[in-house]
Amino acid sequence: MLLFFVITYLILTIAVGFWASRKVKTSGDFMLAGRSLPIVLSTSALFATWFGSETVFGASSEFLKGGLYSVIEDPFGAALCLLLFGMFFARKLYSMNLLTLGDFFKVRFGKRTELIASVFMVPAYFGYTAGQLVALGLIINVITGMPVWQGVVISAVVVTLYTYVGGMWAISITDFIQSIIIVIGLVALAWVLSIKAGGVITVINSVPRENFRFLPDIDFVSMVGWMAAWSVLGLGSIPSQDVFQRVMSSGSSKVAVQSCYYSAGLYLTVAMLPLFISLCVKFLYPEQIGEDTQLTLPNMVLAHTSLPIQILFFGSLLSAVMSTTSSSILAPAALFSENIIKPIIGHKISDKRFLHITRLSILLFSAGATVMACTNSNIYELVGGSSILSLVSLFIPMVFGLYWKKTTSTGAILSMVTGMICWIYFEINPIDVPSLVPATIVSLVALLAGSLMKPEKQESRI
């Protein structure tokens, strides 16, 4: 019965996506929803950027193992990213009327920097999309007993079809519907479990005090590690196409800024629900916590809740993760077609042909992410690793490109390349602090040195 309702729910959700796809007439509609989303749709789209696998499965799993200190990266870092984007980036980028984030590097630094930045941005999405596909595979595994890798493949086929047809318009409308349902589902589940446990206070009092530790120890290594955890999503996701395309889809710069603030507050609030639910599970059903804590929550829902709660939870969760997956496939496809393939072709192509190239790129990136998902099943690692790539290579050039007029293409390229090389080196030869810390510092020094040693005349639209 549960499987029947979940399939029906998915079909209805996909139908909404196909209905919304009628608004797609141009590549701008496909990638940015025609830059016309009202505040409600824009906020829900940004809220749904990360509210999927890493929040419900990944963060709750890490929380069970290490307490509040272990989930600074997400949800706290993710909310910080939205807040900072609204404060310092949304208005400036919106006024430039760009199609992709790669276009920013072209306008600010030239075509060579555009190509290098896009090549650095695109690979990060393989891990991120793979994390979403793993979550979908886990959900199907819990409901049907099907092996996770088979669930991954089936999910990839479904979500690729949905993304291929719908684009950003379909994503935005379904995000709005799915955000409402996932919030209702989590609130209902938290309410039911808290009553069973004897109330919120009872659950909280059962948790050791150290599980609520939020601040680091007062020593250099701990403090650097703590700040690095904030930075993974908090800074690393700022130079990302999926956040960019959701913000730039807003109907105005004012809507873009406001939706960042609203979604940051909404995300941080709602993301507390899976953490509380995981505490309820540990209190009520400690035997349910196995070796793979990513499966704890769905297994508990299936074993200890009524059918209506199961339908609401699994249907909404599956749908929400599908929406997140859809945009994470669209983001690299947009970059690949606009900032890599289009310049290589070298001559003007029609918008219809460009839209066709973008859709073919969706198939390519979906296939790559599916392979990765079948070989690594840790959602938190897949998602966090994808943001680190952007942090060590793109964050510094983007910030200084917007706020320091003396930044040059030479400095930006040196920053990207040396930051990435440094990160790879310290991943192979680890030190006491996370590898992203020295890599980001090197990226900053390289940008300053390259820009000051070889000044260039800037003709930007910033």
Protein backbone atom coordinates (compact mmCIF):
# COMPACT_ATOMS: atom_id res chain seq x y z
CA MET A 1 0.00 0.00 0.00
CA LEU A 2 2.81 2.43 0.86
CA LEU A 3 4.55 1.70 -2.43
CA PHE A 4 1.34 2.38 -4.35
CA PHE A 5 0.86 5.77 -2.70
CA VAL A 6 4.51 6.74 -3.20
CA ILE A 7 4.39 5.85 -6.91
CA THR A 8 1.14 7.78 -7.30
CA TYR A 9 2.63 10.78 -5.53
CA LEU A 10 5.71 10.71 -7.76
CA ILE A 11 3.60 10.51 -10.90
CA LEU A 12 1.58 13.53 -9.79
CA THR A 13 4.76 15.46 -8.98
CA ILE A 14 6.26 14.66 -12.36
CA ALA A 15 3.00 15.68 -13.99
CA VAL A 16 3.25 19.08 -12.29
CA GLY A 17 6.77 19.39 -13.67
CA PHE A 18 5.62 18.60 -17.20
CA TRP A 19 2.77 21.10 -16.84
CA ALA A 20 5.20 23.79 -15.71
CA SER A 21 7.51 23.01 -18.64
CA ARG A 22 5.00 24.68 -20.96
CA LYS A 23 6.51 27.98 -19.81
CA VAL A 24 9.88 27.01 -21.29
CA LYS A 25 10.23 28.83 -24.60
CA THR A 26 13.87 29.95 -24.53
CA SER A 27 17.18 28.96 -22.94
CA GLY A 28 16.63 31.78 -20.42
CA ASP A 29 13.33 30.19 -19.39
CA PHE A 30 15.00 26.80 -19.12
CA MET A 31 17.96 27.94 -17.02
CA LEU A 32 16.58 30.89 -15.01
CA ALA A 33 12.76 30.66 -15.27
CA GLY A 34 12.78 33.87 -17.31
CA ARG A 35 14.05 35.82 -14.24
CA SER A 36 10.44 36.23 -13.14
CA LEU A 37 9.89 34.23 -9.92
CA PRO A 38 7.90 35.95 -7.15
CA ILE A 39 9.19 35.97 -3.58
CA VAL A 40 7.33 32.80 -2.55
CA LEU A 41 8.67 30.66 -5.39
CA SER A 42 12.15 32.17 -5.12
CA THR A 43 12.32 31.50 -1.37
CA SER A 44 11.08 27.94 -1.68
CA ALA A 45 13.55 27.27 -4.49
CA LEU A 46 16.47 28.48 -2.37
CA PHE A 47 15.20 26.59 0.67
CA ALA A 48 15.16 23.42 -1.44
CA THR A 49 18.74 23.93 -2.65
CA TRP A 50 20.13 21.68 0.08
CA PHE A 51 17.04 20.48 1.91
CA GLY A 52 17.18 16.91 0.75
CA SER A 53 19.55 14.03 1.27
CA GLU A 54 22.30 15.77 3.23
CA THR A 55 19.85 17.42 5.64
CA VAL A 56 17.52 14.53 6.40
CA PHE A 57 19.87 11.56 5.93
CA GLY A 58 23.41 12.94 6.12
CA ALA A 59 23.06 15.49 8.92
CA SER A 60 20.84 13.31 11.11
CA SER A 61 23.32 10.44 10.67
CA GLU A 62 26.29 12.63 11.64
CA PHE A 63 24.31 14.09 14.55
CA LEU A 64 23.66 10.64 15.98
CA LYS A 65 27.37 9.83 15.79
CA GLY A 66 28.91 13.10 16.94
CA GLY A 67 26.27 15.48 18.26
CA LEU A 68 25.69 19.10 17.33
CA TYR A 69 29.41 19.79 16.82
CA SER A 70 29.51 17.37 13.89
CA VAL A 71 26.75 19.10 11.87
CA ILE A 72 28.11 22.64 11.75
CA GLU A 73 28.76 22.17 8.04
CA ASP A 74 25.08 21.49 7.38
CA PRO A 75 22.64 22.95 8.36
CA PHE A 76 24.50 25.87 9.97
CA GLY A 77 27.02 26.43 7.19
CA ALA A 78 24.34 26.10 4.54
CA ALA A 79 22.20 28.78 6.19
CA LEU A 80 25.27 31.01 6.47
CA CYS A 81 25.82 30.67 2.70
CA LEU A 82 22.31 31.93 1.91
CA LEU A 83 22.66 34.80 4.37
CA LEU A 84 26.01 35.92 2.96
CA PHE A 85 24.83 35.58 -0.63
CA GLY A 86 21.92 37.88 0.09
CA MET A 87 24.10 40.42 1.91
CA PHE A 88 27.04 40.68 -0.46
CA PHE A 89 26.39 38.96 -3.81
CA ALA A 90 22.75 38.79 -4.91
CA ARG A 91 22.18 42.44 -5.83
CA LYS A 92 25.50 42.90 -7.64
CA LEU A 93 25.19 39.71 -9.67
CA TYR A 94 21.51 40.24 -10.49
CA SER A 95 22.26 43.66 -11.99
CA MET A 96 24.74 42.07 -14.42
CA ASN A 97 21.97 40.04 -16.12
CA LEU A 98 24.04 36.87 -16.45
CA LEU A 99 22.89 33.43 -17.59
CA THR A 100 25.45 31.43 -15.60
CA LEU A 101 28.09 32.10 -12.97
CA GLY A 102 30.69 31.35 -15.62
CA ASP A 103 29.44 34.45 -17.44
CA PHE A 104 30.57 36.53 -14.45
CA PHE A 105 34.17 35.43 -14.97
CA LYS A 106 33.88 36.20 -18.69
CA VAL A 107 32.54 39.71 -18.10
CA ARG A 108 35.00 40.47 -15.30
CA PHE A 109 38.16 38.77 -16.53
CA GLY A 110 37.72 37.58 -20.12
CA LYS A 111 37.06 34.37 -22.03
CA ARG A 112 40.17 32.50 -20.89
CA THR A 113 39.24 32.93 -17.23
CA GLU A 114 35.63 32.02 -18.06
CA LEU A 115 36.75 28.69 -19.50
CA ILE A 116 39.07 27.84 -16.59
CA ALA A 117 36.49 28.82 -13.96
CA SER A 118 33.80 26.75 -15.66
CA VAL A 119 36.09 23.73 -15.91
CA PHE A 120 36.73 24.07 -12.18
CA MET A 121 33.04 24.49 -11.31
CA VAL A 122 31.58 21.62 -13.30
CA PRO A 123 33.27 18.60 -11.60
CA ALA A 124 31.99 19.65 -8.14
CA TYR A 125 28.45 18.75 -9.17
CA PHE A 126 29.19 15.11 -9.81
CA GLY A 127 29.66 14.47 -6.08
CA TYR A 128 26.75 16.66 -5.08
CA THR A 129 24.34 15.00 -7.52
CA ALA A 130 25.65 11.57 -6.56
CA GLY A 131 24.76 12.32 -2.93
CA GLN A 132 21.17 13.04 -3.92
CA LEU A 133 20.97 9.86 -6.01
CA VAL A 134 22.27 7.81 -3.09
CA ALA A 135 19.47 9.23 -0.95
CA LEU A 136 16.88 8.28 -3.56
CA GLY A 137 18.38 4.80 -3.74
CA LEU A 138 18.20 4.47 0.05
CA ILE A 139 14.54 5.49 0.09
CA ILE A 140 13.64 2.96 -2.59
CA ASN A 141 15.69 0.33 -0.74
CA VAL A 142 13.75 0.87 2.50
CA ILE A 143 10.36 0.83 0.78
CA THR A 144 10.90 -2.09 -1.62
CA GLY A 145 13.98 -3.97 -0.38
CA MET A 146 15.64 -3.37 -3.73
CA PRO A 147 19.47 -3.05 -3.63
CA VAL A 148 20.56 0.56 -3.22
CA TRP A 149 22.47 0.67 -6.52
CA GLN A 150 19.37 -0.41 -8.43
CA GLY A 151 17.36 2.30 -6.69
CA VAL A 152 20.05 4.79 -7.69
CA VAL A 153 19.81 3.82 -11.36
CA ILE A 154 15.99 3.95 -11.40
CA SER A 155 16.00 7.30 -9.63
CA ALA A 156 18.56 8.68 -12.06
CA VAL A 157 16.41 7.73 -15.03
CA VAL A 158 13.29 9.33 -13.54
CA VAL A 159 14.91 12.57 -12.39
CA THR A 160 16.89 12.98 -15.61
CA LEU A 161 13.71 12.77 -17.65
CA TYR A 162 12.07 15.33 -15.38
CA THR A 163 15.02 17.73 -15.60
CA TYR A 164 15.45 17.26 -19.34
CA VAL A 165 11.90 18.37 -19.98
CA GLY A 166 11.17 20.92 -17.26
CA GLY A 167 14.19 23.13 -16.63
CA MET A 168 14.16 25.82 -13.94
CA TRP A 169 10.47 26.65 -14.33
CA ALA A 170 9.41 23.14 -13.45
CA ILE A 171 11.96 22.95 -10.63
CA SER A 172 10.70 26.19 -9.07
CA ILE A 173 7.02 25.27 -9.09
CA THR A 174 7.58 21.76 -7.79
CA ASP A 175 9.98 23.12 -5.16
CA PHE A 176 7.17 25.24 -3.78
CA ILE A 177 4.76 22.31 -3.52
CA GLN A 178 7.38 19.91 -2.23
CA SER A 179 8.71 22.33 0.40
CA ILE A 180 5.26 22.62 1.94
CA ILE A 181 4.80 18.86 2.00
CA ILE A 182 8.24 18.04 3.43
CA VAL A 183 7.75 20.56 6.24
CA ILE A 184 4.31 19.12 7.05
CA GLY A 185 5.71 15.60 6.95
CA LEU A 186 8.62 16.35 9.28
CA VAL A 187 6.49 18.34 11.72
CA ALA A 188 3.94 15.51 11.85
CA LEU A 189 6.64 12.91 12.45
CA ALA A 190 8.36 15.01 15.14
CA TRP A 191 5.02 15.57 16.86
CA VAL A 192 4.11 11.87 16.89
CA LEU A 193 7.53 10.78 18.16
CA SER A 194 7.76 13.45 20.86
CA ILE A 195 4.38 12.38 22.23
CA LYS A 196 5.51 8.74 22.30
CA ALA A 197 8.70 9.76 24.12
CA GLY A 198 6.85 11.79 26.76
CA GLY A 199 7.53 15.25 25.40
CA VAL A 200 10.33 17.36 23.98
CA ILE A 201 11.92 18.01 27.40
CA THR A 202 12.11 14.28 28.12
CA VAL A 203 13.95 13.64 24.86
CA ILE A 204 16.36 16.54 25.36
CA ASN A 205 17.14 15.53 28.95
CA SER A 206 18.03 12.01 27.81
CA VAL A 207 20.90 13.29 25.66
CA PRO A 208 24.38 13.69 27.20
CA ARG A 209 25.36 17.33 27.56
CA GLU A 210 28.43 16.92 25.37
CA ASN A 211 26.16 16.10 22.40
CA PHE A 212 25.04 19.74 22.41
CA ARG A 213 28.56 21.13 22.34
CA PHE A 214 28.71 23.78 19.64
CA LEU A 215 31.93 25.72 20.26
CA PRO A 216 35.45 24.32 19.74
CA ASP A 217 38.12 23.70 22.35
CA ILE A 218 40.43 26.65 22.94
CA ASP A 219 43.37 25.46 20.89
CA PHE A 220 44.61 26.34 17.42
CA VAL A 221 43.80 23.07 15.65
CA SER A 222 40.27 22.80 17.06
CA MET A 223 39.40 26.40 16.27
CA VAL A 224 40.72 26.17 12.71
CA GLY A 225 38.81 22.92 12.17
CA TRP A 226 35.63 24.54 13.52
CA MET A 227 35.95 27.51 11.17
CA ALA A 228 36.70 25.17 8.29
CA ALA A 229 33.46 23.28 8.96
CA TRP A 230 31.52 26.56 8.69
CA SER A 231 33.36 27.36 5.47
CA VAL A 232 32.66 24.16 3.53
CA LEU A 233 29.09 25.12 2.61
CA GLY A 234 29.06 28.60 4.14
CA LEU A 235 31.72 29.91 1.75
CA GLY A 236 32.26 27.03 -0.65
CA SER A 237 28.70 27.10 -2.01
CA ILE A 238 28.74 30.83 -2.74
CA PRO A 239 30.56 30.34 -6.08
CA SER A 240 28.12 27.61 -7.19
CA GLN A 241 25.83 27.57 -10.19
CA ASP A 242 22.85 26.01 -8.40
CA VAL A 243 22.67 28.78 -5.77
CA PHE A 244 23.35 31.37 -8.49
CA GLN A 245 20.61 30.13 -10.83
CA ARG A 246 18.00 29.99 -8.07
CA VAL A 247 18.78 33.53 -6.88
CA MET A 248 19.00 34.91 -10.42
CA SER A 249 15.61 33.39 -11.28
CA SER A 250 13.95 35.96 -8.99
CA GLY A 251 11.72 38.61 -10.49
CA SER A 252 13.87 41.52 -9.26
CA SER A 253 17.06 42.27 -7.33
CA LYS A 254 14.96 43.09 -4.26
CA VAL A 255 13.21 39.71 -4.45
CA ALA A 256 16.59 38.02 -4.93
CA VAL A 257 18.00 39.56 -1.75
CA GLN A 258 14.88 38.99 0.36
CA SER A 259 14.52 35.37 -0.74
CA CYS A 260 18.09 34.69 0.44
CA TYR A 261 17.27 36.00 3.93
CA TYR A 262 13.91 34.23 4.19
CA SER A 263 15.28 30.93 2.93
CA ALA A 264 18.25 31.08 5.34
CA GLY A 265 15.90 31.45 8.31
CA LEU A 266 13.51 28.82 7.02
CA TYR A 267 16.29 26.36 6.28
CA LEU A 268 17.94 26.66 9.68
CA THR A 269 14.58 26.31 11.45
CA VAL A 270 13.21 23.35 9.51
CA ALA A 271 16.58 21.57 9.41
CA MET A 272 16.39 21.20 13.20
CA LEU A 273 13.48 18.79 12.77
CA PRO A 274 15.52 15.84 11.40
CA LEU A 275 18.03 16.31 14.21
CA PHE A 276 15.28 16.24 16.84
CA ILE A 277 13.63 13.27 15.15
CA SER A 278 16.94 11.37 15.27
CA LEU A 279 17.09 11.99 19.04
CA CYS A 280 13.56 10.63 19.39
CA VAL A 281 14.56 7.53 17.44
CA LYS A 282 17.60 6.97 19.65
CA PHE A 283 15.45 7.42 22.78
CA LEU A 284 12.50 5.26 21.69
CA TYR A 285 14.10 2.65 19.41
CA PRO A 286 17.83 2.35 20.19
CA GLU A 287 17.84 -1.08 18.53
CA GLN A 288 16.94 0.65 15.25
CA ILE A 289 20.36 2.33 15.08
CA GLY A 290 22.59 0.05 13.05
CA GLU A 291 25.96 0.36 11.37
CA ASP A 292 24.57 2.55 8.57
CA THR A 293 22.97 5.41 10.49
CA GLN A 294 21.81 6.95 7.21
CA LEU A 295 19.09 4.27 7.19
CA THR A 296 18.02 4.80 10.80
CA LEU A 297 15.30 7.36 10.17
CA PRO A 298 13.56 5.72 7.18
CA ASN A 299 13.72 2.28 8.80
CA MET A 300 12.16 3.65 11.99
CA VAL A 301 9.35 5.37 10.07
CA LEU A 302 8.58 2.16 8.23
CA ALA A 303 8.63 0.02 11.37
CA HIS A 304 6.98 2.21 13.99
CA THR A 305 4.59 4.71 12.41
CA SER A 306 1.13 4.54 10.90
CA LEU A 307 0.49 4.35 7.15
CA PRO A 308 -0.57 8.03 6.79
CA ILE A 309 2.70 9.20 8.39
CA GLN A 310 4.68 6.80 6.20
CA ILE A 311 2.96 8.06 3.06
CA LEU A 312 3.54 11.69 3.99
CA PHE A 313 7.15 11.16 5.03
CA PHE A 314 8.39 8.96 2.19
CA GLY A 315 6.40 10.66 -0.53
CA SER A 316 7.46 14.17 0.42
CA LEU A 317 11.06 13.20 1.12
CA LEU A 318 11.45 11.37 -2.18
CA SER A 319 9.92 14.28 -4.03
CA ALA A 320 12.08 16.89 -2.26
CA VAL A 321 15.30 15.00 -3.00
CA MET A 322 14.24 14.64 -6.61
CA SER A 323 13.87 18.40 -6.85
CA THR A 324 17.32 18.98 -5.36
CA THR A 325 18.79 16.42 -7.73
CA SER A 326 17.12 18.06 -10.69
CA SER A 327 18.72 21.44 -10.08
CA SER A 328 22.11 19.89 -9.33
CA ILE A 329 22.02 18.25 -12.77
CA LEU A 330 20.82 21.41 -14.49
CA ALA A 331 23.59 23.57 -12.96
CA PRO A 332 26.64 21.87 -14.54
CA ALA A 333 24.73 21.32 -17.79
CA ALA A 334 24.14 25.07 -18.02
CA LEU A 335 27.80 25.83 -17.34
CA PHE A 336 29.03 23.19 -19.76
CA SER A 337 26.84 24.33 -22.64
CA GLU A 338 27.10 28.12 -22.09
CA ASN A 339 30.72 28.53 -20.98
CA ILE A 340 32.57 25.56 -22.46
CA ILE A 341 30.77 24.20 -25.53
CA LYS A 342 29.44 27.51 -26.87
CA PRO A 343 32.87 29.23 -26.94
CA ILE A 344 34.44 26.13 -28.54
CA ILE A 345 31.89 26.12 -31.35
CA GLY A 346 33.05 29.65 -32.03
CA HIS A 347 30.15 30.91 -34.11
CA LYS A 348 26.73 32.16 -33.20
CA ILE A 349 24.18 29.39 -32.68
CA SER A 350 20.44 29.68 -32.49
CA ASP A 351 18.74 29.65 -29.11
CA LYS A 352 16.88 26.49 -30.10
CA ARG A 353 20.12 24.64 -30.85
CA PHE A 354 21.71 25.95 -27.66
CA LEU A 355 18.76 24.65 -25.66
CA HIS A 356 19.22 21.26 -27.34
CA ILE A 357 22.92 21.22 -26.36
CA THR A 358 22.00 22.04 -22.76
CA ARG A 359 19.54 19.15 -22.61
CA LEU A 360 22.11 16.74 -24.03
CA SER A 361 24.55 17.96 -21.35
CA ILE A 362 21.99 16.98 -18.72
CA LEU A 363 22.17 13.38 -19.95
CA LEU A 364 25.97 13.43 -19.76
CA PHE A 365 26.20 14.71 -16.20
CA SER A 366 23.42 12.49 -14.96
CA ALA A 367 25.28 9.42 -16.24
CA GLY A 368 28.52 10.49 -14.53
CA ALA A 369 26.81 11.18 -11.20
CA THR A 370 25.02 7.83 -11.35
CA VAL A 371 28.31 5.97 -11.67
CA MET A 372 29.74 7.89 -8.70
CA ALA A 373 26.63 7.22 -6.60
CA CYS A 374 26.96 3.49 -7.21
CA THR A 375 30.55 3.49 -5.86
CA ASN A 376 30.21 5.78 -2.80
CA SER A 377 27.18 5.70 -0.51
CA ASN A 378 28.17 8.31 2.13
CA ILE A 379 25.90 11.28 1.45
CA TYR A 380 27.61 13.72 3.82
CA GLU A 381 31.04 13.08 2.28
CA LEU A 382 29.79 13.39 -1.29
CA VAL A 383 28.05 16.71 -0.66
CA GLY A 384 30.76 18.24 1.51
CA GLY A 385 33.53 17.28 -0.92
CA SER A 386 31.77 18.99 -3.81
CA SER A 387 31.65 22.33 -1.97
CA ILE A 388 35.32 22.18 -0.96
CA LEU A 389 36.33 22.14 -4.64
CA SER A 390 34.55 25.45 -5.18
CA LEU A 391 35.94 27.00 -2.00
CA VAL A 392 39.62 26.38 -2.71
CA SER A 393 39.50 27.47 -6.35
CA LEU A 394 36.64 29.90 -7.03
CA PHE A 395 35.63 31.69 -3.84
CA ILE A 396 38.58 34.10 -3.65
CA PRO A 397 38.46 35.14 -7.37
CA MET A 398 34.71 35.70 -7.17
CA VAL A 399 34.83 37.84 -4.01
CA PHE A 400 37.78 39.95 -5.13
CA GLY A 401 36.42 40.17 -8.67
CA LEU A 402 33.29 41.80 -7.27
CA TYR A 403 34.88 44.02 -4.63
CA TRP A 404 38.46 44.80 -5.69
CA LYS A 405 38.86 46.65 -8.97
CA LYS A 406 42.57 45.84 -9.21
CA THR A 407 41.91 42.10 -9.47
CA THR A 408 43.22 40.84 -12.82
CA SER A 409 42.64 37.77 -14.94
CA THR A 410 46.21 36.66 -14.17
CA GLY A 411 45.54 36.88 -10.45
CA ALA A 412 42.20 35.07 -10.79
CA ILE A 413 43.69 32.20 -12.81
CA LEU A 414 46.67 31.82 -10.47
CA SER A 415 44.27 31.77 -7.54
CA MET A 416 42.14 29.00 -9.04
CA VAL A 417 45.03 26.80 -10.14
CA THR A 418 47.27 27.13 -7.08
CA GLY A 419 44.36 26.74 -4.68
CA MET A 420 43.32 23.49 -6.31
CA ILE A 421 46.88 22.14 -6.52
CA CYS A 422 47.49 22.99 -2.87
CA TRP A 423 44.28 21.26 -1.80
CA ILE A 424 45.18 18.10 -3.73
CA TYR A 425 48.66 18.10 -2.20
CA PHE A 426 47.40 18.34 1.38
CA GLU A 427 44.73 15.73 0.72
CA ILE A 428 47.54 13.35 -0.21
CA ASN A 429 49.85 14.62 2.56
CA PRO A 430 47.48 15.60 5.40
CA ILE A 431 48.39 17.92 8.25
CA ASP A 432 46.70 18.78 11.56
CA VAL A 433 44.25 21.26 10.00
CA PRO A 434 41.79 20.52 7.15
CA SER A 435 43.40 20.74 3.70
CA LEU A 436 40.93 23.42 2.60
CA VAL A 437 42.54 25.91 5.04
CA PRO A 438 46.03 26.12 3.51
CA ALA A 439 44.52 25.79 0.04
CA THR A 440 42.26 28.82 0.55
CA ILE A 441 45.14 30.85 1.99
CA VAL A 442 47.31 29.98 -1.00
CA SER A 443 44.44 30.91 -3.32
CA LEU A 444 44.24 34.34 -1.67
CA VAL A 445 48.00 34.98 -1.77
CA ALA A 446 48.18 33.92 -5.42
CA LEU A 447 45.38 36.29 -6.40
CA LEU A 448 47.01 39.25 -4.66
CA ALA A 449 50.43 38.48 -6.08
CA GLY A 450 49.19 37.88 -9.62
CA SER A 451 47.05 41.02 -9.66
CA LEU A 452 49.70 43.33 -8.23
CA MET A 453 52.59 42.00 -10.35
CA LYS A 454 50.69 42.25 -13.64
CA PRO A 455 48.10 45.05 -13.53
CA GLU A 456 45.49 45.11 -16.29
CA LYS A 457 43.00 47.63 -17.54
CA GLN A 458 39.56 46.46 -16.38
CA GLU A 459 36.43 47.04 -18.40
CA SER A 460 33.78 45.33 -16.31
CA ARG A 461 30.06 45.81 -15.90
CA ILE A 462 30.18 45.60 -12.10
